[in-house]
């Protein structure tokens, strides 16, 4: 179950960073 929580946290971090990466491009 810890893997699912870790994956959710990673997904959230990616979702927050993705717009910033798009803005830089």
PDB file of N, CA and C in Angstrom:
ATOM      1  N   UNK A   1       0.839  -1.211   0.000  1.00  0.00           N
ATOM      2  CA  UNK A   1       0.000   0.000   0.000  1.00  0.00           C
ATOM      3  C   UNK A   1       0.872   1.258   0.000  1.00  0.00           C
ATOM      4  N   UNK A   2       2.066   1.129   0.573  1.00  0.00           N
ATOM      5  CA  UNK A   2       2.950   2.300   0.621  1.00  0.00           C
ATOM      6  C   UNK A   2       3.377   2.713  -0.786  1.00  0.00           C
ATOM      7  N   UNK A   3       3.417   1.737  -1.681  1.00  0.00           N
ATOM      8  CA  UNK A   3       3.783   2.061  -3.052  1.00  0.00           C
ATOM      9  C   UNK A   3       2.744   2.961  -3.708  1.00  0.00           C
ATOM     10  N   UNK A   4       1.471   2.710  -3.390  1.00  0.00           N
ATOM     11  CA  UNK A   4       0.395   3.517  -3.975  1.00  0.00           C
ATOM     12  C   UNK A   4       0.479   4.954  -3.476  1.00  0.00           C
ATOM     13  N   UNK A   5       0.752   5.131  -2.195  1.00  0.00           N
ATOM     14  CA  UNK A   5       0.857   6.485  -1.630  1.00  0.00           C
ATOM     15  C   UNK A   5       2.051   7.212  -2.244  1.00  0.00           C
ATOM     16  N   UNK A   6       3.140   6.464  -2.401  1.00  0.00           N
ATOM     17  CA  UNK A   6       4.339   7.059  -2.992  1.00  0.00           C
ATOM     18  C   UNK A   6       4.079   7.462  -4.438  1.00  0.00           C
ATOM     19  N   UNK A   7       3.354   6.612  -5.157  1.00  0.00           N
ATOM     20  CA  UNK A   7       3.035   6.903  -6.557  1.00  0.00           C
ATOM     21  C   UNK A   7       2.113   8.116  -6.643  1.00  0.00           C
ATOM     22  N   UNK A   8       1.170   8.230  -5.702  1.00  0.00           N
ATOM     23  CA  UNK A   8       0.251   9.368  -5.694  1.00  0.00           C
ATOM     24  C   UNK A   8       1.021  10.663  -5.434  1.00  0.00           C
ATOM     25  N   UNK A   9       1.977  10.613  -4.518  1.00  0.00           N
ATOM     26  CA  UNK A   9       2.771  11.805  -4.204  1.00  0.00           C
ATOM     27  C   UNK A   9       3.611  12.200  -5.417  1.00  0.00           C
ATOM     28  N   UNK A  10       4.179  11.201  -6.093  1.00  0.00           N
ATOM     29  CA  UNK A  10       4.993  11.473  -7.274  1.00  0.00           C
ATOM     30  C   UNK A  10       4.137  12.080  -8.380  1.00  0.00           C
ATOM     31  N   UNK A  11       2.937  11.527  -8.552  1.00  0.00           N
ATOM     32  CA  UNK A  11       2.035  12.035  -9.578  1.00  0.00           C
ATOM     33  C   UNK A  11       1.648  13.479  -9.287  1.00  0.00           C
ATOM     34  N   UNK A  12       1.401  13.773  -7.993  1.00  0.00           N
ATOM     35  CA  UNK A  12       1.016  15.128  -7.609  1.00  0.00           C
ATOM     36  C   UNK A  12       2.163  16.096  -7.883  1.00  0.00           C
ATOM     37  N   UNK A  13       3.379  15.684  -7.536  1.00  0.00           N
ATOM     38  CA  UNK A  13       4.544  16.547  -7.753  1.00  0.00           C
ATOM     39  C   UNK A  13       4.718  16.810  -9.248  1.00  0.00           C
ATOM     40  N   UNK A  14       4.558  15.753 -10.066  1.00  0.00           N
ATOM     41  CA  UNK A  14       4.697  15.896 -11.510  1.00  0.00           C
ATOM     42  C   UNK A  14       3.625  16.832 -12.066  1.00  0.00           C
ATOM     43  N   UNK A  15       2.388  16.674 -11.562  1.00  0.00           N
ATOM     44  CA  UNK A  15       1.283  17.488 -12.045  1.00  0.00           C
ATOM     45  C   UNK A  15       1.505  18.961 -11.729  1.00  0.00           C
ATOM     46  N   UNK A  16       2.192  19.231 -10.581  1.00  0.00           N
ATOM     47  CA  UNK A  16       2.448  20.619 -10.203  1.00  0.00           C
ATOM     48  C   UNK A  16       3.642  21.189 -10.976  1.00  0.00           C
ATOM     49  N   UNK A  17       4.611  20.325 -11.290  1.00  0.00           N
ATOM     50  CA  UNK A  17       5.806  20.800 -11.977  1.00  0.00           C
ATOM     51  C   UNK A  17       5.619  20.885 -13.485  1.00  0.00           C
ATOM     52  N   UNK A  18       4.703  20.089 -14.020  1.00  0.00           N
ATOM     53  CA  UNK A  18       4.513  20.053 -15.468  1.00  0.00           C
ATOM     54  C   UNK A  18       4.194  21.429 -16.069  1.00  0.00           C
ATOM     55  N   UNK A  19       3.243  22.187 -15.494  1.00  0.00           N
ATOM     56  CA  UNK A  19       2.950  23.526 -16.039  1.00  0.00           C
ATOM     57  C   UNK A  19       4.179  24.431 -16.000  1.00  0.00           C
ATOM     58  N   UNK A  20       5.003  24.299 -14.964  1.00  0.00           N
ATOM     59  CA  UNK A  20       6.206  25.131 -14.862  1.00  0.00           C
ATOM     60  C   UNK A  20       7.175  24.768 -15.990  1.00  0.00           C
ATOM     61  N   UNK A  21       7.287  23.475 -16.274  1.00  0.00           N
ATOM     62  CA  UNK A  21       8.171  23.040 -17.354  1.00  0.00           C
ATOM     63  C   UNK A  21       7.654  23.543 -18.694  1.00  0.00           C
ATOM     64  N   UNK A  22       6.348  23.511 -18.871  1.00  0.00           N
ATOM     65  CA  UNK A  22       5.771  23.992 -20.136  1.00  0.00           C
ATOM     66  C   UNK A  22       6.002  25.484 -20.275  1.00  0.00           C
ATOM     67  N   UNK A  23       5.950  26.210 -19.164  1.00  0.00           N
ATOM     68  CA  UNK A  23       6.141  27.659 -19.209  1.00  0.00           C
ATOM     69  C   UNK A  23       7.580  27.986 -19.620  1.00  0.00           C
ATOM     70  N   UNK A  24       8.531  27.152 -19.176  1.00  0.00           N
ATOM     71  CA  UNK A  24       9.928  27.403 -19.521  1.00  0.00           C
ATOM     72  C   UNK A  24      10.185  27.147 -20.999  1.00  0.00           C
ATOM     73  N   UNK A  25       9.516  26.150 -21.565  1.00  0.00           N
ATOM     74  CA  UNK A  25       9.759  25.823 -22.966  1.00  0.00           C
ATOM     75  C   UNK A  25       9.261  26.944 -23.855  1.00  0.00           C
TER      76      UNK A  25
END
